[in-house]
Amino acid sequence: MNVLALNAGSSTLKFASYDLTTKSVLVRGIVDRLGGADAVLRREGSERSVGRVSYLNAVQLVLQEVGPVEAVGCRVVHGGDRFEGSTIVNASVLEEIRKLAPLAPLHNSRDLEVLEAVSDQLPSVPQVAVFDTTFHRTLPPLAYRYAVPKFVEDQLHVRRYGFHGISYQYVANEIARVRGSETGRIVACHLGSGASVCALKDGKSVETSMGMTPLEGLIMGTRSGDIDPGAVLYLLRETGMTVQEADQLLNSKSGLLGLSGGSADVRVLENAAKAGDLAAEFALESFAYRVAKYVGSYVVVLGGLDALVFSGGVGEHSDDMRQRICGRLKVFGVDHVESIQTADGITCLSGDHQPSVWIVPTDEERQIANETLTVVSASSL
């Protein structure tokens, strides 16, 4: 079966089509800089300008690139407590996703555009919504409940949901494959512009750093991560800042960008730190400190640690950041010793040392495609 996977970001639409019979990639690419006047479409070493395009236009461009497909899978960030797994898209599912928009207004409205565009362009092709939140449906109440009155959770759905679930599912499958078993106590770090940590026990999510929204948890590119709620109330009360302005401050102007005063990009900050930029160095150390603090707390949750896994753009490519994080975790026996590349792209950083340390390049698009195949196959029985 030929399956197209679509993964929408804040200004991007990643795509990949797969022949899942042979497990081969047919086409992979990205429509970048969406919303600007200079959007580009990149695939397999080529790039062309496509001008100003919407998500609808981007979907149309992608469909022209990949040709006929038999099913489409689309990432949806927030499934709330309504969706327990990936599901075939129909009118009622679209309406439920629309109702969830207040929980993730920046994400679900964008994802809805993509879903509706696919439905419009390919009305007879089955489409599957693959949710970032469903992998974390295994969180126990101790992990997902906030210490607020019960009606806040029951009526307003305020609780921890967790995100990056598509990536964590792929990583969990891959690390189980290379280690020969799903059993074990694993902490996975998805580190990129958005960043989170997940505690896995026997391949299941039991704790994660992102909460009701992707703002909670780690320091990220432009997101503050954990902050005293009282500080937010103080900003609203004392400065006259609107809710929208506070949202913009914490989601788009904080994190590495806010700490460094210069960039949200770890690569830029690493070069600046080497050149003596103290603010850049502090931002990088703060990022590593927060990650290590979460990993340490999750070792307590799991009752020990068998493996530490890095994925995401920063986790996969920044050896400096991995060294900073692992250096803070030596008390748990974590050691960044050597790099042993395996045949399938997964890297062991610990040799025979325990707990083991790994780099697992994530592939959300492949996971979306796999989930799509599973759901479409089940629906046709």
Protein backbone atom coordinates (compact mmCIF):
# COMPACT_ATOMS: atom_id res chain seq x y z
CA MET A 1 0.00 0.00 0.00
CA ASN A 2 1.24 3.51 -0.87
CA VAL A 3 0.66 5.82 2.12
CA LEU A 4 1.27 9.56 2.34
CA ALA A 5 2.20 11.02 5.74
CA LEU A 6 1.68 14.73 6.42
CA ASN A 7 3.23 16.49 9.41
CA ALA A 8 2.34 20.18 9.77
CA GLY A 9 4.48 22.58 11.80
CA SER A 10 4.12 26.28 12.61
CA SER A 11 5.46 27.28 9.17
CA THR A 12 6.15 23.93 7.51
CA LEU A 13 4.47 20.90 6.01
CA LYS A 14 6.69 17.82 6.04
CA PHE A 15 5.63 14.97 3.79
CA ALA A 16 6.74 11.47 2.93
CA SER A 17 5.14 8.74 0.84
CA TYR A 18 5.91 5.09 1.50
CA ASP A 19 5.40 1.77 -0.18
CA LEU A 20 4.65 -0.09 3.03
CA THR A 21 4.66 -3.43 1.23
CA THR A 22 8.39 -3.06 0.59
CA LYS A 23 8.87 -0.60 3.53
CA SER A 24 10.59 1.86 1.18
CA VAL A 25 10.39 5.66 0.98
CA LEU A 26 9.09 6.85 -2.37
CA VAL A 27 9.21 10.63 -1.89
CA ARG A 28 10.23 12.76 1.10
CA GLY A 29 10.27 16.53 1.40
CA ILE A 30 9.03 19.71 3.06
CA VAL A 31 7.15 22.84 2.13
CA ASP A 32 8.97 25.48 4.18
CA ARG A 33 8.31 29.11 5.18
CA LEU A 34 4.54 28.78 4.87
CA GLY A 35 2.76 32.07 5.43
CA GLY A 36 5.65 34.09 4.03
CA ALA A 37 6.14 35.45 0.54
CA ASP A 38 9.09 33.16 -0.18
CA ALA A 39 7.89 29.62 0.59
CA VAL A 40 9.95 26.80 -0.90
CA LEU A 41 9.39 23.13 -1.64
CA ARG A 42 12.39 20.89 -0.96
CA ARG A 43 12.74 17.20 -1.80
CA GLU A 44 15.72 14.90 -2.24
CA GLY A 45 18.33 17.59 -2.76
CA SER A 46 16.21 19.85 -4.97
CA GLU A 47 14.50 23.12 -4.04
CA ARG A 48 12.09 25.41 -5.82
CA SER A 49 10.30 28.61 -4.87
CA VAL A 50 6.51 28.37 -4.61
CA GLY A 51 5.74 31.95 -3.54
CA ARG A 52 3.12 32.67 -0.89
CA VAL A 53 1.09 29.55 -0.10
CA SER A 54 -1.46 28.49 2.51
CA TYR A 55 -1.68 25.01 4.05
CA LEU A 56 -4.35 24.20 1.45
CA ASN A 57 -1.98 25.23 -1.34
CA ALA A 58 0.83 23.26 0.33
CA VAL A 59 -1.29 20.10 0.38
CA GLN A 60 -2.07 20.60 -3.31
CA LEU A 61 1.64 20.97 -4.10
CA VAL A 62 2.50 17.84 -2.11
CA LEU A 63 -0.14 15.77 -3.89
CA GLN A 64 1.34 16.85 -7.23
CA GLU A 65 4.78 15.75 -6.03
CA VAL A 66 3.85 12.32 -4.73
CA GLY A 67 1.28 11.17 -7.28
CA PRO A 68 -1.48 8.63 -6.52
CA VAL A 69 -1.75 7.33 -2.95
CA GLU A 70 -4.04 4.78 -1.33
CA ALA A 71 -4.25 6.36 2.13
CA VAL A 72 -3.20 9.56 3.90
CA GLY A 73 -2.14 9.98 7.51
CA CYS A 74 -2.04 13.42 9.14
CA ARG A 75 -0.49 14.41 12.44
CA VAL A 76 -2.87 16.17 14.83
CA VAL A 77 -1.22 17.66 17.90
CA HIS A 78 -4.04 17.58 20.47
CA GLY A 79 -6.50 14.72 20.84
CA GLY A 80 -7.59 15.78 24.32
CA ASP A 81 -9.37 13.04 26.25
CA ARG A 82 -11.67 12.27 23.30
CA PHE A 83 -9.34 10.17 21.15
CA GLU A 84 -7.68 7.05 22.51
CA GLY A 85 -5.93 6.20 19.25
CA SER A 86 -5.52 7.04 15.59
CA THR A 87 -8.82 7.19 13.76
CA ILE A 88 -10.37 7.37 10.29
CA VAL A 89 -11.30 10.98 9.48
CA ASN A 90 -14.95 11.77 8.86
CA ALA A 91 -17.22 14.75 9.49
CA SER A 92 -17.77 13.92 13.17
CA VAL A 93 -14.03 13.47 13.80
CA LEU A 94 -13.31 16.84 12.16
CA GLU A 95 -15.92 18.43 14.40
CA GLU A 96 -14.40 16.86 17.53
CA ILE A 97 -10.93 18.13 16.54
CA ARG A 98 -12.45 21.57 16.00
CA LYS A 99 -13.94 21.48 19.51
CA LEU A 100 -10.48 20.71 20.92
CA ALA A 101 -8.99 23.87 19.37
CA PRO A 102 -9.20 25.88 22.65
CA LEU A 103 -6.74 23.38 24.21
CA ALA A 104 -4.21 24.01 21.41
CA PRO A 105 -5.40 26.95 19.30
CA LEU A 106 -2.16 27.37 17.36
CA HIS A 107 -1.86 23.67 16.58
CA ASN A 108 -5.27 22.12 16.06
CA SER A 109 -6.57 24.90 13.81
CA ARG A 110 -3.55 24.39 11.55
CA ASP A 111 -3.93 20.61 11.61
CA LEU A 112 -7.61 21.00 10.78
CA GLU A 113 -6.69 23.01 7.67
CA VAL A 114 -4.54 20.13 6.47
CA LEU A 115 -7.19 17.50 7.22
CA GLU A 116 -9.88 19.48 5.41
CA ALA A 117 -7.59 20.13 2.45
CA VAL A 118 -6.89 16.41 2.08
CA SER A 119 -10.60 15.59 2.37
CA ASP A 120 -11.34 18.17 -0.32
CA GLN A 121 -8.58 17.03 -2.69
CA LEU A 122 -8.92 13.26 -2.16
CA PRO A 123 -12.53 12.63 -1.08
CA SER A 124 -12.44 8.91 -1.91
CA VAL A 125 -9.06 8.15 -0.28
CA PRO A 126 -9.15 7.05 3.40
CA GLN A 127 -7.53 9.56 5.74
CA VAL A 128 -6.33 8.89 9.28
CA ALA A 129 -5.77 11.40 12.09
CA VAL A 130 -2.70 10.40 14.13
CA PHE A 131 -2.60 12.23 17.46
CA ASP A 132 0.49 13.38 19.34
CA THR A 133 -1.31 12.84 22.63
CA THR A 134 -2.54 9.25 22.35
CA PHE A 135 0.82 7.63 23.17
CA HIS A 136 0.51 9.24 26.60
CA ARG A 137 -2.94 7.78 27.31
CA THR A 138 -1.11 5.25 29.52
CA LEU A 139 -0.11 7.97 32.02
CA PRO A 140 -1.38 7.06 35.49
CA PRO A 141 -3.50 9.59 37.45
CA LEU A 142 -0.48 10.43 39.61
CA ALA A 143 1.21 11.73 36.47
CA TYR A 144 -1.64 13.38 34.59
CA ARG A 145 -3.75 15.02 37.32
CA TYR A 146 -3.03 18.56 38.44
CA ALA A 147 -3.68 19.57 42.06
CA VAL A 148 -6.82 21.53 41.24
CA PRO A 149 -10.49 20.95 42.14
CA LYS A 150 -11.95 17.96 40.32
CA PHE A 151 -14.48 20.03 38.34
CA VAL A 152 -11.59 21.83 36.63
CA GLU A 153 -10.47 18.51 35.16
CA ASP A 154 -13.94 17.06 34.57
CA GLN A 155 -15.61 20.13 33.04
CA LEU A 156 -12.71 22.08 31.55
CA HIS A 157 -10.43 19.11 30.72
CA VAL A 158 -7.43 20.66 32.49
CA ARG A 159 -4.89 17.86 32.97
CA ARG A 160 -1.53 16.73 31.59
CA TYR A 161 -1.84 15.22 28.10
CA GLY A 162 1.77 15.14 26.88
CA PHE A 163 3.02 15.64 23.33
CA HIS A 164 5.66 14.36 20.89
CA GLY A 165 3.83 11.04 21.24
CA ILE A 166 4.29 10.07 17.59
CA SER A 167 8.04 10.50 17.95
CA TYR A 168 8.13 8.63 21.27
CA GLN A 169 6.20 5.70 19.81
CA TYR A 170 8.69 5.44 16.96
CA VAL A 171 11.65 5.72 19.35
CA ALA A 172 10.14 3.14 21.72
CA ASN A 173 9.72 0.68 18.84
CA GLU A 174 13.27 1.26 17.59
CA ILE A 175 15.00 1.00 20.96
CA ALA A 176 13.03 -2.19 21.72
CA ARG A 177 14.21 -3.60 18.40
CA VAL A 178 17.90 -2.89 18.98
CA ARG A 179 17.79 -3.94 22.63
CA GLY A 180 15.77 -7.05 21.80
CA SER A 181 12.89 -6.32 24.15
CA GLU A 182 10.30 -3.70 25.13
CA THR A 183 10.95 -4.36 28.80
CA GLY A 184 13.05 -1.93 30.72
CA ARG A 185 13.19 1.51 32.25
CA ILE A 186 13.94 4.09 29.59
CA VAL A 187 14.03 7.87 29.62
CA ALA A 188 13.70 9.37 26.14
CA CYS A 189 14.62 12.99 25.40
CA HIS A 190 13.06 14.55 22.30
CA LEU A 191 15.18 17.69 22.00
CA GLY A 192 14.57 20.23 19.27
CA SER A 193 12.97 23.64 18.95
CA GLY A 194 10.18 22.00 20.90
CA ALA A 195 11.56 19.70 23.58
CA SER A 196 10.27 17.18 26.08
CA VAL A 197 11.24 14.14 28.15
CA CYS A 198 9.28 10.90 28.55
CA ALA A 199 9.64 8.06 31.04
CA LEU A 200 8.93 4.66 29.44
CA LYS A 201 8.31 1.48 31.36
CA ASP A 202 8.02 -1.65 29.23
CA GLY A 203 7.50 0.56 26.17
CA LYS A 204 4.64 2.58 27.71
CA SER A 205 4.58 6.25 28.69
CA VAL A 206 4.30 6.66 32.46
CA GLU A 207 5.44 10.29 32.82
CA THR A 208 6.19 13.19 30.47
CA SER A 209 7.26 16.79 30.80
CA MET A 210 4.76 18.58 28.53
CA GLY A 211 1.37 19.14 30.09
CA MET A 212 -2.04 20.40 29.05
CA THR A 213 -0.20 22.32 26.34
CA PRO A 214 3.31 22.03 24.85
CA LEU A 215 4.42 25.00 26.99
CA GLU A 216 5.08 23.07 30.20
CA GLY A 217 8.37 21.37 30.99
CA LEU A 218 11.77 21.94 29.42
CA ILE A 219 13.29 25.17 28.24
CA MET A 220 12.74 25.20 24.47
CA GLY A 221 13.69 27.34 21.51
CA THR A 222 11.21 30.13 22.22
CA ARG A 223 9.05 28.59 24.99
CA SER A 224 9.72 29.26 28.65
CA GLY A 225 8.87 25.78 29.90
CA ASP A 226 8.12 25.57 33.63
CA ILE A 227 7.31 28.90 35.24
CA ASP A 228 5.50 29.79 38.46
CA PRO A 229 1.82 30.36 37.56
CA GLY A 230 1.94 33.21 40.04
CA ALA A 231 4.50 34.92 37.83
CA VAL A 232 2.03 34.85 34.94
CA LEU A 233 -0.72 36.28 37.16
CA TYR A 234 1.74 38.97 38.29
CA LEU A 235 2.50 39.95 34.69
CA LEU A 236 -1.19 40.21 33.87
CA ARG A 237 -1.98 42.17 37.04
CA GLU A 238 0.99 44.53 37.25
CA THR A 239 1.78 45.31 33.62
CA GLY A 240 -1.67 45.36 32.05
CA MET A 241 -0.45 42.70 29.63
CA THR A 242 -3.28 40.96 27.79
CA VAL A 243 -3.71 37.19 27.77
CA GLN A 244 -2.64 37.21 24.11
CA GLU A 245 0.49 39.20 24.93
CA ALA A 246 1.40 36.86 27.79
CA ASP A 247 0.87 33.90 25.47
CA GLN A 248 3.17 35.49 22.89
CA LEU A 249 5.80 36.25 25.54
CA LEU A 250 5.92 32.71 26.96
CA ASN A 251 5.54 30.79 23.69
CA SER A 252 7.44 32.92 21.19
CA LYS A 253 9.88 35.21 23.02
CA SER A 254 11.20 33.10 25.89
CA GLY A 255 13.27 29.91 26.19
CA LEU A 256 16.71 29.95 24.60
CA LEU A 257 15.80 33.11 22.71
CA GLY A 258 14.82 34.93 25.89
CA LEU A 259 17.83 33.77 27.90
CA SER A 260 20.41 34.46 25.21
CA GLY A 261 18.86 37.63 23.85
CA GLY A 262 20.03 36.55 20.42
CA SER A 263 18.90 33.20 19.06
CA ALA A 264 16.65 30.18 19.63
CA ASP A 265 18.96 27.95 17.57
CA VAL A 266 21.31 25.71 19.56
CA ARG A 267 23.81 25.66 16.67
CA VAL A 268 24.05 29.45 16.66
CA LEU A 269 24.33 29.55 20.44
CA GLU A 270 27.07 26.92 20.53
CA ASN A 271 29.17 28.98 18.10
CA ALA A 272 28.48 32.13 20.09
CA ALA A 273 29.41 30.42 23.37
CA LYS A 274 32.71 29.24 21.88
CA ALA A 275 33.40 32.85 20.92
CA GLY A 276 32.90 33.96 24.53
CA ASP A 277 29.24 35.00 24.56
CA LEU A 278 28.27 34.54 28.22
CA ALA A 279 24.53 34.86 27.61
CA ALA A 280 24.68 32.11 24.98
CA GLU A 281 26.65 29.88 27.36
CA PHE A 282 24.15 30.48 30.14
CA ALA A 283 21.24 29.62 27.82
CA LEU A 284 22.86 26.32 26.81
CA GLU A 285 23.69 25.40 30.41
CA SER A 286 20.14 26.24 31.46
CA PHE A 287 18.75 23.97 28.75
CA ALA A 288 21.02 21.09 29.80
CA TYR A 289 20.28 21.66 33.49
CA ARG A 290 16.51 21.48 32.95
CA VAL A 291 16.78 18.31 30.85
CA ALA A 292 19.04 16.60 33.40
CA LYS A 293 16.72 17.62 36.24
CA TYR A 294 13.76 15.99 34.49
CA VAL A 295 15.75 12.86 33.62
CA GLY A 296 16.83 12.52 37.25
CA SER A 297 13.26 12.83 38.51
CA TYR A 298 12.12 10.21 36.01
CA VAL A 299 14.78 7.78 37.23
CA VAL A 300 12.98 8.06 40.58
CA VAL A 301 9.59 7.50 38.87
CA LEU A 302 10.92 4.39 37.09
CA GLY A 303 12.83 3.04 40.09
CA GLY A 304 16.08 2.97 38.10
CA LEU A 305 17.40 3.49 34.59
CA ASP A 306 18.29 0.95 31.92
CA ALA A 307 18.68 3.30 28.94
CA LEU A 308 18.79 7.00 28.11
CA VAL A 309 17.75 7.91 24.56
CA PHE A 310 18.27 11.13 22.60
CA SER A 311 16.20 12.09 19.56
CA GLY A 312 15.05 15.27 17.79
CA GLY A 313 17.24 17.76 15.96
CA VAL A 314 19.31 18.82 18.99
CA GLY A 315 19.33 15.39 20.62
CA GLU A 316 20.53 13.71 17.42
CA HIS A 317 23.06 16.27 16.20
CA SER A 318 24.52 18.23 19.12
CA ASP A 319 27.25 16.22 20.81
CA ASP A 320 28.04 19.28 22.95
CA MET A 321 24.51 19.32 24.38
CA ARG A 322 24.49 15.56 24.97
CA GLN A 323 27.80 15.87 26.83
CA ARG A 324 26.41 18.70 28.97
CA ILE A 325 23.36 16.61 29.89
CA CYS A 326 25.16 13.32 30.48
CA GLY A 327 27.79 15.09 32.58
CA ARG A 328 25.07 16.03 35.05
CA LEU A 329 23.75 12.46 35.23
CA LYS A 330 26.89 10.60 36.30
CA VAL A 331 25.36 10.08 39.74
CA PHE A 332 22.98 7.63 38.01
CA GLY A 333 25.83 5.83 36.24
CA VAL A 334 25.26 7.60 32.93
CA ASP A 335 28.48 7.93 30.93
CA HIS A 336 29.03 9.28 27.43
CA VAL A 337 31.94 7.02 26.46
CA GLU A 338 32.08 6.36 22.75
CA SER A 339 30.08 6.43 19.55
CA ILE A 340 29.32 3.11 17.89
CA GLN A 341 27.25 3.49 14.72
CA THR A 342 24.97 0.56 14.00
CA ALA A 343 23.99 -0.53 10.52
CA ASP A 344 20.51 0.98 10.79
CA GLY A 345 21.56 4.48 11.88
CA ILE A 346 21.05 4.03 15.61
CA THR A 347 24.07 5.00 17.69
CA CYS A 348 25.23 3.66 21.06
CA LEU A 349 27.16 6.23 23.10
CA SER A 350 28.00 4.01 26.06
CA GLY A 351 29.64 0.85 24.74
CA ASP A 352 29.02 -1.94 27.25
CA HIS A 353 28.48 0.58 30.05
CA GLN A 354 25.15 0.52 31.91
CA PRO A 355 22.80 2.31 31.78
CA SER A 356 23.18 2.47 28.02
CA VAL A 357 22.98 5.77 26.11
CA TRP A 358 21.57 5.93 22.59
CA ILE A 359 20.84 8.25 19.69
CA VAL A 360 17.71 7.14 17.84
CA PRO A 361 16.93 9.37 14.82
CA THR A 362 13.19 9.87 14.99
CA ASP A 363 10.94 9.47 11.95
CA GLU A 364 7.50 10.83 12.73
CA GLU A 365 6.38 10.52 9.12
CA ARG A 366 7.12 6.79 9.04
CA GLN A 367 5.28 6.31 12.33
CA ILE A 368 2.30 8.24 10.92
CA ALA A 369 2.36 6.01 7.84
CA ASN A 370 2.55 2.83 9.95
CA GLU A 371 -0.36 3.98 12.13
CA THR A 372 -2.35 4.82 9.01
CA LEU A 373 -1.81 1.40 7.52
CA THR A 374 -2.91 -0.27 10.77
CA VAL A 375 -6.12 1.76 11.03
CA VAL A 376 -7.06 1.49 7.36
CA SER A 377 -6.40 -2.26 7.34
CA ALA A 378 -8.55 -2.74 10.46
CA SER A 379 -11.39 -0.66 9.03
CA SER A 380 -11.51 -2.78 5.87
CA LEU A 381 -11.91 -6.10 7.71
